[in-house]
Amino acid sequence: MTTDTRNERTDGAGEVVGLLLAAGGGRRLGGRPKALLEHRGRPLVEHAVDVLRAAGCERVHVVLGASADTVRRRASLPGCVLVDNPDWAAGMGSSLRVGLASLRTTGAAAALVSLVDQPGIGATATARVRTAYRSPGTLAAAAYDGLRGHPVLFGSAHWAGIEEHAVGDRGARDYLREHVGEITLVECGDVAEAYDIDTAADLRHLAPPPEPGQGPGTPASGRPDSAAHME
């Protein structure tokens, strides 16, 4: 793991820090790194960082993996702490581990974890999950019609246990299954859609660049606009 600490702070008592997992290589997309897929004329990683910040996360750590050097060159990520995961091909679990490890010395009380390939989840849903934080023992997750999804909030008291369980593509699933009674589910199905960009067919969810005079950002509601579903 390599961490760019130029933007790192250590005064985060009580703070929820955004943790964006953006290391995926897009194997089913012909090897196109997900972080660099374009949505509204910008890389997905930029949109995902904007969502976390609009949701109230002043600090954001971004885990990079596939084509990390290219992502650093092409994406504008000012103020983010960029964390390289050399084992990104081993699955999302490795990115979650290195991301949480990068937060250990920050003093943060919780990590709000989001995925780069879910542009249908905007700031409104993400903020709802962030505001579920109560203490370092908090576990919270977005729910869509009652089914748990992302983003998820991990209080710092859980980080060590999550790191032990995070293997392959399972991420924190096994840990959350063991602590299901402690999880606060935050319904977000009314303001977001939890689809993933995994296959060529999923690319229909990505919108073209905005027309002149239109802003490039994610809609304030967090629900993707109609352009995101053009087929």
C-alpha atoms as a PDB file:
ATOM      1  CA  MET A   1       0.000   0.000   0.000  1.00  0.00           C
ATOM      2  CA  THR A   2       1.262   3.456  -0.926  1.00  0.00           C
ATOM      3  CA  THR A   3      -0.422   6.536   0.475  1.00  0.00           C
ATOM      4  CA  ASP A   4      -0.009  10.104  -0.743  1.00  0.00           C
ATOM      5  CA  THR A   5      -0.103  11.924   2.615  1.00  0.00           C
ATOM      6  CA  ARG A   6       0.254  15.479   1.348  1.00  0.00           C
ATOM      7  CA  ASN A   7      -3.420  16.124   2.105  1.00  0.00           C
ATOM      8  CA  GLU A   8      -3.618  13.982   5.232  1.00  0.00           C
ATOM      9  CA  ARG A   9      -4.655  15.484   8.584  1.00  0.00           C
ATOM     10  CA  THR A  10      -4.631  13.976  12.054  1.00  0.00           C
ATOM     11  CA  ASP A  11      -7.223  16.154  13.793  1.00  0.00           C
ATOM     12  CA  GLY A  12     -10.354  14.202  12.922  1.00  0.00           C
ATOM     13  CA  ALA A  13     -11.901  13.496  16.337  1.00  0.00           C
ATOM     14  CA  GLY A  14     -15.592  12.744  15.787  1.00  0.00           C
ATOM     15  CA  GLU A  15     -15.256  13.141  12.023  1.00  0.00           C
ATOM     16  CA  VAL A  16     -16.777  10.897   9.363  1.00  0.00           C
ATOM     17  CA  VAL A  17     -14.257  10.599   6.519  1.00  0.00           C
ATOM     18  CA  GLY A  18     -15.283   9.542   3.035  1.00  0.00           C
ATOM     19  CA  LEU A  19     -13.602   6.383   1.717  1.00  0.00           C
ATOM     20  CA  LEU A  20     -14.041   5.802  -2.006  1.00  0.00           C
ATOM     21  CA  LEU A  21     -13.125   2.411  -3.442  1.00  0.00           C
ATOM     22  CA  ALA A  22     -12.025   3.112  -7.021  1.00  0.00           C
ATOM     23  CA  ALA A  23      -9.486   0.393  -7.813  1.00  0.00           C
ATOM     24  CA  GLY A  24     -11.517  -1.851 -10.119  1.00  0.00           C
ATOM     25  CA  GLY A  25     -10.054  -2.829 -13.467  1.00  0.00           C
ATOM     26  CA  GLY A  26     -13.351  -3.320 -15.323  1.00  0.00           C
ATOM     27  CA  ARG A  27     -12.617  -6.902 -16.368  1.00  0.00           C
ATOM     28  CA  ARG A  28     -16.090  -7.308 -17.875  1.00  0.00           C
ATOM     29  CA  LEU A  29     -15.726  -3.923 -19.549  1.00  0.00           C
ATOM     30  CA  GLY A  30     -12.742  -4.975 -21.585  1.00  0.00           C
ATOM     31  CA  GLY A  31     -10.214  -3.848 -18.987  1.00  0.00           C
ATOM     32  CA  ARG A  32     -11.374  -0.239 -18.835  1.00  0.00           C
ATOM     33  CA  PRO A  33     -10.658   1.094 -15.319  1.00  0.00           C
ATOM     34  CA  LYS A  34     -13.956   2.038 -13.726  1.00  0.00           C
ATOM     35  CA  ALA A  35     -12.515   5.194 -12.196  1.00  0.00           C
ATOM     36  CA  LEU A  36     -11.993   6.645 -15.673  1.00  0.00           C
ATOM     37  CA  LEU A  37     -15.339   5.789 -17.263  1.00  0.00           C
ATOM     38  CA  GLU A  38     -16.922   9.059 -18.365  1.00  0.00           C
ATOM     39  CA  HIS A  39     -20.213  10.277 -16.923  1.00  0.00           C
ATOM     40  CA  ARG A  40     -21.474  13.723 -17.893  1.00  0.00           C
ATOM     41  CA  GLY A  41     -18.115  14.415 -19.486  1.00  0.00           C
ATOM     42  CA  ARG A  42     -15.989  13.653 -16.421  1.00  0.00           C
ATOM     43  CA  PRO A  43     -14.356  10.542 -14.923  1.00  0.00           C
ATOM     44  CA  LEU A  44     -16.567   8.575 -12.558  1.00  0.00           C
ATOM     45  CA  VAL A  45     -14.006   8.993  -9.776  1.00  0.00           C
ATOM     46  CA  GLU A  46     -14.490  12.769  -9.841  1.00  0.00           C
ATOM     47  CA  HIS A  47     -18.265  12.390  -9.553  1.00  0.00           C
ATOM     48  CA  ALA A  48     -17.949   9.963  -6.661  1.00  0.00           C
ATOM     49  CA  VAL A  49     -15.639  12.308  -4.739  1.00  0.00           C
ATOM     50  CA  ASP A  50     -18.026  15.211  -5.355  1.00  0.00           C
ATOM     51  CA  VAL A  51     -20.901  13.141  -3.946  1.00  0.00           C
ATOM     52  CA  LEU A  52     -19.031  12.366  -0.727  1.00  0.00           C
ATOM     53  CA  ARG A  53     -18.113  16.010  -0.256  1.00  0.00           C
ATOM     54  CA  ALA A  54     -21.632  17.240  -0.999  1.00  0.00           C
ATOM     55  CA  ALA A  55     -22.860  14.724   1.577  1.00  0.00           C
ATOM     56  CA  GLY A  56     -20.755  16.399   4.259  1.00  0.00           C
ATOM     57  CA  CYS A  57     -17.397  14.585   4.177  1.00  0.00           C
ATOM     58  CA  GLU A  58     -14.734  17.268   4.328  1.00  0.00           C
ATOM     59  CA  ARG A  59     -12.005  14.684   3.881  1.00  0.00           C
ATOM     60  CA  VAL A  60     -11.990  11.913   1.297  1.00  0.00           C
ATOM     61  CA  HIS A  61      -9.544   9.033   0.868  1.00  0.00           C
ATOM     62  CA  VAL A  62      -9.575   7.385  -2.563  1.00  0.00           C
ATOM     63  CA  VAL A  63      -8.232   3.862  -3.111  1.00  0.00           C
ATOM     64  CA  LEU A  64      -6.740   3.429  -6.588  1.00  0.00           C
ATOM     65  CA  GLY A  65      -5.573   0.240  -8.251  1.00  0.00           C
ATOM     66  CA  ALA A  66      -5.980  -0.493 -11.951  1.00  0.00           C
ATOM     67  CA  SER A  67      -4.107   2.106 -14.031  1.00  0.00           C
ATOM     68  CA  ALA A  68      -3.505   4.137 -10.881  1.00  0.00           C
ATOM     69  CA  ASP A  69      -0.908   6.376 -12.512  1.00  0.00           C
ATOM     70  CA  THR A  70      -3.270   7.164 -15.385  1.00  0.00           C
ATOM     71  CA  VAL A  71      -6.086   7.968 -12.971  1.00  0.00           C
ATOM     72  CA  ARG A  72      -3.809  10.359 -11.102  1.00  0.00           C
ATOM     73  CA  ARG A  73      -2.942  12.126 -14.361  1.00  0.00           C
ATOM     74  CA  ARG A  74      -6.409  12.314 -15.884  1.00  0.00           C
ATOM     75  CA  ALA A  75      -8.677  12.864 -12.883  1.00  0.00           C
ATOM     76  CA  SER A  76      -8.849  16.082 -10.895  1.00  0.00           C
ATOM     77  CA  LEU A  77      -8.897  15.064  -7.238  1.00  0.00           C
ATOM     78  CA  PRO A  78      -7.639  18.082  -5.286  1.00  0.00           C
ATOM     79  CA  GLY A  79      -7.492  17.666  -1.530  1.00  0.00           C
ATOM     80  CA  CYS A  80      -8.015  13.904  -1.625  1.00  0.00           C
ATOM     81  CA  VAL A  81      -5.684  11.426   0.028  1.00  0.00           C
ATOM     82  CA  LEU A  82      -4.845   8.920  -2.712  1.00  0.00           C
ATOM     83  CA  VAL A  83      -4.058   5.377  -1.603  1.00  0.00           C
ATOM     84  CA  ASP A  84      -2.562   2.818  -3.986  1.00  0.00           C
ATOM     85  CA  ASN A  85      -3.647  -0.796  -3.656  1.00  0.00           C
ATOM     86  CA  PRO A  86      -1.102  -2.973  -5.488  1.00  0.00           C
ATOM     87  CA  ASP A  87      -3.292  -6.041  -4.827  1.00  0.00           C
ATOM     88  CA  TRP A  88      -6.440  -4.558  -6.391  1.00  0.00           C
ATOM     89  CA  ALA A  89      -6.909  -7.604  -8.649  1.00  0.00           C
ATOM     90  CA  ALA A  90      -7.503  -9.745  -5.540  1.00  0.00           C
ATOM     91  CA  GLY A  91     -10.902  -8.097  -5.122  1.00  0.00           C
ATOM     92  CA  MET A  92     -12.707  -5.342  -3.289  1.00  0.00           C
ATOM     93  CA  GLY A  93     -11.713  -6.737   0.088  1.00  0.00           C
ATOM     94  CA  SER A  94      -8.090  -5.736  -0.444  1.00  0.00           C
ATOM     95  CA  SER A  95      -9.115  -2.167  -1.308  1.00  0.00           C
ATOM     96  CA  LEU A  96     -11.287  -1.946   1.784  1.00  0.00           C
ATOM     97  CA  ARG A  97      -8.392  -3.144   3.938  1.00  0.00           C
ATOM     98  CA  VAL A  98      -5.876  -0.641   2.599  1.00  0.00           C
ATOM     99  CA  GLY A  99      -8.453   2.143   2.696  1.00  0.00           C
ATOM    100  CA  LEU A 100      -9.261   1.575   6.355  1.00  0.00           C
ATOM    101  CA  ALA A 101      -5.552   1.232   7.130  1.00  0.00           C
ATOM    102  CA  SER A 102      -4.978   4.678   5.612  1.00  0.00           C
ATOM    103  CA  LEU A 103      -7.388   6.157   8.160  1.00  0.00           C
ATOM    104  CA  ARG A 104      -5.750   4.737  11.282  1.00  0.00           C
ATOM    105  CA  THR A 105      -3.626   7.789  12.073  1.00  0.00           C
ATOM    106  CA  THR A 106      -6.175  10.431  11.060  1.00  0.00           C
ATOM    107  CA  GLY A 107      -8.210  10.446  14.259  1.00  0.00           C
ATOM    108  CA  ALA A 108     -11.382   9.846  12.229  1.00  0.00           C
ATOM    109  CA  ALA A 109     -14.311   8.374  14.110  1.00  0.00           C
ATOM    110  CA  ALA A 110     -15.924   6.619  11.146  1.00  0.00           C
ATOM    111  CA  ALA A 111     -15.500   5.841   7.458  1.00  0.00           C
ATOM    112  CA  LEU A 112     -18.306   6.385   4.967  1.00  0.00           C
ATOM    113  CA  VAL A 113     -17.542   3.868   2.234  1.00  0.00           C
ATOM    114  CA  SER A 114     -18.806   4.270  -1.320  1.00  0.00           C
ATOM    115  CA  LEU A 115     -18.084   2.561  -4.643  1.00  0.00           C
ATOM    116  CA  VAL A 116     -16.923   4.380  -7.758  1.00  0.00           C
ATOM    117  CA  ASP A 117     -19.230   2.434 -10.091  1.00  0.00           C
ATOM    118  CA  GLN A 118     -22.567   3.455  -8.566  1.00  0.00           C
ATOM    119  CA  PRO A 119     -23.367   6.869 -10.099  1.00  0.00           C
ATOM    120  CA  GLY A 120     -27.053   6.426  -9.345  1.00  0.00           C
ATOM    121  CA  ILE A 121     -26.326   7.037  -5.648  1.00  0.00           C
ATOM    122  CA  GLY A 122     -25.979  10.752  -5.065  1.00  0.00           C
ATOM    123  CA  ALA A 123     -25.420  13.196  -2.257  1.00  0.00           C
ATOM    124  CA  THR A 124     -28.900  12.974  -0.731  1.00  0.00           C
ATOM    125  CA  ALA A 125     -28.669   9.234  -0.043  1.00  0.00           C
ATOM    126  CA  THR A 126     -25.047   9.465   1.009  1.00  0.00           C
ATOM    127  CA  ALA A 127     -25.801  12.258   3.470  1.00  0.00           C
ATOM    128  CA  ARG A 128     -28.594  10.205   5.017  1.00  0.00           C
ATOM    129  CA  VAL A 129     -26.151   7.432   5.824  1.00  0.00           C
ATOM    130  CA  ARG A 130     -23.535   9.870   7.115  1.00  0.00           C
ATOM    131  CA  THR A 131     -26.009  11.395   9.560  1.00  0.00           C
ATOM    132  CA  ALA A 132     -26.658   7.946  11.056  1.00  0.00           C
ATOM    133  CA  TYR A 133     -23.295   8.251  12.833  1.00  0.00           C
ATOM    134  CA  ARG A 134     -23.610   8.280  16.623  1.00  0.00           C
ATOM    135  CA  SER A 135     -20.312   6.948  17.961  1.00  0.00           C
ATOM    136  CA  PRO A 136     -17.212   4.964  16.917  1.00  0.00           C
ATOM    137  CA  GLY A 137     -19.365   1.864  17.454  1.00  0.00           C
ATOM    138  CA  THR A 138     -21.872   2.825  14.756  1.00  0.00           C
ATOM    139  CA  LEU A 139     -22.611   0.506  11.849  1.00  0.00           C
ATOM    140  CA  ALA A 140     -24.999   1.897   9.241  1.00  0.00           C
ATOM    141  CA  ALA A 141     -25.876   1.210   5.625  1.00  0.00           C
ATOM    142  CA  ALA A 142     -28.141   2.459   2.902  1.00  0.00           C
ATOM    143  CA  ALA A 143     -31.127   0.261   2.115  1.00  0.00           C
ATOM    144  CA  TYR A 144     -33.119  -0.013  -1.078  1.00  0.00           C
ATOM    145  CA  ASP A 145     -36.617  -1.364  -0.475  1.00  0.00           C
ATOM    146  CA  GLY A 146     -35.218  -2.854   2.712  1.00  0.00           C
ATOM    147  CA  LEU A 147     -32.196  -4.535   1.114  1.00  0.00           C
ATOM    148  CA  ARG A 148     -28.793  -3.441   2.408  1.00  0.00           C
ATOM    149  CA  GLY A 149     -26.477  -1.689  -0.037  1.00  0.00           C
ATOM    150  CA  HIS A 150     -23.974   1.161  -0.305  1.00  0.00           C
ATOM    151  CA  PRO A 151     -22.817   3.498   0.988  1.00  0.00           C
ATOM    152  CA  VAL A 152     -21.969   1.967   4.348  1.00  0.00           C
ATOM    153  CA  LEU A 153     -20.673   3.654   7.481  1.00  0.00           C
ATOM    154  CA  PHE A 154     -18.140   1.885   9.681  1.00  0.00           C
ATOM    155  CA  GLY A 155     -17.349   3.350  13.074  1.00  0.00           C
ATOM    156  CA  SER A 156     -13.658   3.088  13.929  1.00  0.00           C
ATOM    157  CA  ALA A 157     -14.330   0.496  16.633  1.00  0.00           C
ATOM    158  CA  HIS A 158     -15.167  -1.952  13.833  1.00  0.00           C
ATOM    159  CA  TRP A 159     -12.241  -1.311  11.493  1.00  0.00           C
ATOM    160  CA  ALA A 160      -9.908  -4.005  12.832  1.00  0.00           C
ATOM    161  CA  GLY A 161     -12.616  -6.662  12.645  1.00  0.00           C
ATOM    162  CA  ILE A 162     -13.624  -5.628   9.136  1.00  0.00           C
ATOM    163  CA  GLU A 163     -10.013  -5.768   7.944  1.00  0.00           C
ATOM    164  CA  GLU A 164      -9.717  -9.332   9.260  1.00  0.00           C
ATOM    165  CA  HIS A 165     -12.837 -10.431   7.360  1.00  0.00           C
ATOM    166  CA  ALA A 166     -12.373  -8.487   4.110  1.00  0.00           C
ATOM    167  CA  VAL A 167     -11.170 -10.994   1.516  1.00  0.00           C
ATOM    168  CA  GLY A 168     -11.806 -11.414  -2.191  1.00  0.00           C
ATOM    169  CA  ASP A 169     -14.836  -9.582  -3.522  1.00  0.00           C
ATOM    170  CA  ARG A 170     -16.830 -10.046  -0.334  1.00  0.00           C
ATOM    171  CA  GLY A 171     -15.672  -6.820   1.256  1.00  0.00           C
ATOM    172  CA  ALA A 172     -17.312  -6.445   4.656  1.00  0.00           C
ATOM    173  CA  ARG A 173     -20.219  -8.819   4.010  1.00  0.00           C
ATOM    174  CA  ASP A 174     -19.102 -11.542   6.407  1.00  0.00           C
ATOM    175  CA  TYR A 175     -18.396  -9.066   9.191  1.00  0.00           C
ATOM    176  CA  LEU A 176     -21.751  -7.371   8.703  1.00  0.00           C
ATOM    177  CA  ARG A 177     -23.522 -10.729   8.733  1.00  0.00           C
ATOM    178  CA  GLU A 178     -21.990 -11.441  12.136  1.00  0.00           C
ATOM    179  CA  HIS A 179     -23.097  -8.012  13.424  1.00  0.00           C
ATOM    180  CA  VAL A 180     -26.428  -7.718  11.639  1.00  0.00           C
ATOM    181  CA  GLY A 181     -28.236  -6.766  14.834  1.00  0.00           C
ATOM    182  CA  GLU A 182     -26.031  -3.686  15.226  1.00  0.00           C
ATOM    183  CA  ILE A 183     -26.617  -2.255  11.743  1.00  0.00           C
ATOM    184  CA  THR A 184     -28.814   0.810  11.269  1.00  0.00           C
ATOM    185  CA  LEU A 185     -30.480   0.579   7.866  1.00  0.00           C
ATOM    186  CA  VAL A 186     -31.203   3.927   6.223  1.00  0.00           C
ATOM    187  CA  GLU A 187     -33.814   3.710   3.476  1.00  0.00           C
ATOM    188  CA  CYS A 188     -32.624   5.491   0.324  1.00  0.00           C
ATOM    189  CA  GLY A 189     -34.677   3.890  -2.400  1.00  0.00           C
ATOM    190  CA  ASP A 190     -36.746   7.037  -2.815  1.00  0.00           C
ATOM    191  CA  VAL A 191     -33.736   9.181  -3.767  1.00  0.00           C
ATOM    192  CA  ALA A 192     -31.204   6.835  -5.371  1.00  0.00           C
ATOM    193  CA  GLU A 193     -30.756   3.771  -7.556  1.00  0.00           C
ATOM    194  CA  ALA A 194     -28.109   1.236  -6.547  1.00  0.00           C
ATOM    195  CA  TYR A 195     -27.096  -0.180  -9.918  1.00  0.00           C
ATOM    196  CA  ASP A 196     -23.449  -1.038 -10.661  1.00  0.00           C
ATOM    197  CA  ILE A 197     -21.467  -0.380 -13.828  1.00  0.00           C
ATOM    198  CA  ASP A 198     -20.124  -3.897 -14.363  1.00  0.00           C
ATOM    199  CA  THR A 199     -20.840  -4.889 -17.964  1.00  0.00           C
ATOM    200  CA  ALA A 200     -21.101  -3.268 -21.375  1.00  0.00           C
ATOM    201  CA  ALA A 201     -24.886  -3.294 -21.008  1.00  0.00           C
ATOM    202  CA  ASP A 202     -24.575  -1.191 -17.838  1.00  0.00           C
ATOM    203  CA  LEU A 203     -22.860   1.615 -19.746  1.00  0.00           C
ATOM    204  CA  ARG A 204     -26.323   2.860 -20.715  1.00  0.00           C
ATOM    205  CA  HIS A 205     -26.507   4.406 -17.250  1.00  0.00           C
ATOM    206  CA  LEU A 206     -23.633   6.768 -18.042  1.00  0.00           C
ATOM    207  CA  ALA A 207     -24.738  10.139 -19.370  1.00  0.00           C
ATOM    208  CA  PRO A 208     -23.146  12.143 -22.183  1.00  0.00           C
ATOM    209  CA  PRO A 209     -21.469  15.496 -21.534  1.00  0.00           C
ATOM    210  CA  PRO A 210     -23.963  18.227 -20.574  1.00  0.00           C
ATOM    211  CA  GLU A 211     -25.216  20.679 -23.136  1.00  0.00           C
ATOM    212  CA  PRO A 212     -23.598  24.140 -23.106  1.00  0.00           C
ATOM    213  CA  GLY A 213     -24.884  26.100 -20.138  1.00  0.00           C
ATOM    214  CA  GLN A 214     -25.742  23.006 -18.106  1.00  0.00           C
ATOM    215  CA  GLY A 215     -23.733  22.181 -15.003  1.00  0.00           C
ATOM    216  CA  PRO A 216     -21.661  18.969 -14.981  1.00  0.00           C
ATOM    217  CA  GLY A 217     -22.444  17.895 -11.437  1.00  0.00           C
ATOM    218  CA  THR A 218     -24.597  15.189  -9.933  1.00  0.00           C
ATOM    219  CA  PRO A 219     -28.242  16.268  -9.473  1.00  0.00           C
ATOM    220  CA  ALA A 220     -28.787  17.702  -5.994  1.00  0.00           C
ATOM    221  CA  SER A 221     -31.476  15.137  -5.208  1.00  0.00           C
ATOM    222  CA  GLY A 222     -29.006  12.313  -5.663  1.00  0.00           C
ATOM    223  CA  ARG A 223     -31.383  10.580  -8.068  1.00  0.00           C
ATOM    224  CA  PRO A 224     -29.907  10.341 -11.558  1.00  0.00           C
ATOM    225  CA  ASP A 225     -31.676  12.455 -14.139  1.00  0.00           C
ATOM    226  CA  SER A 226     -33.284  11.025 -17.235  1.00  0.00           C
ATOM    227  CA  ALA A 227     -30.132  11.473 -19.314  1.00  0.00           C
ATOM    228  CA  ALA A 228     -28.412   8.857 -17.185  1.00  0.00           C
ATOM    229  CA  HIS A 229     -30.843   6.249 -18.522  1.00  0.00           C
ATOM    230  CA  MET A 230     -30.705   6.967 -22.228  1.00  0.00           C
ATOM    231  CA  GLU A 231     -30.481   3.709 -24.172  1.00  0.00           C
END
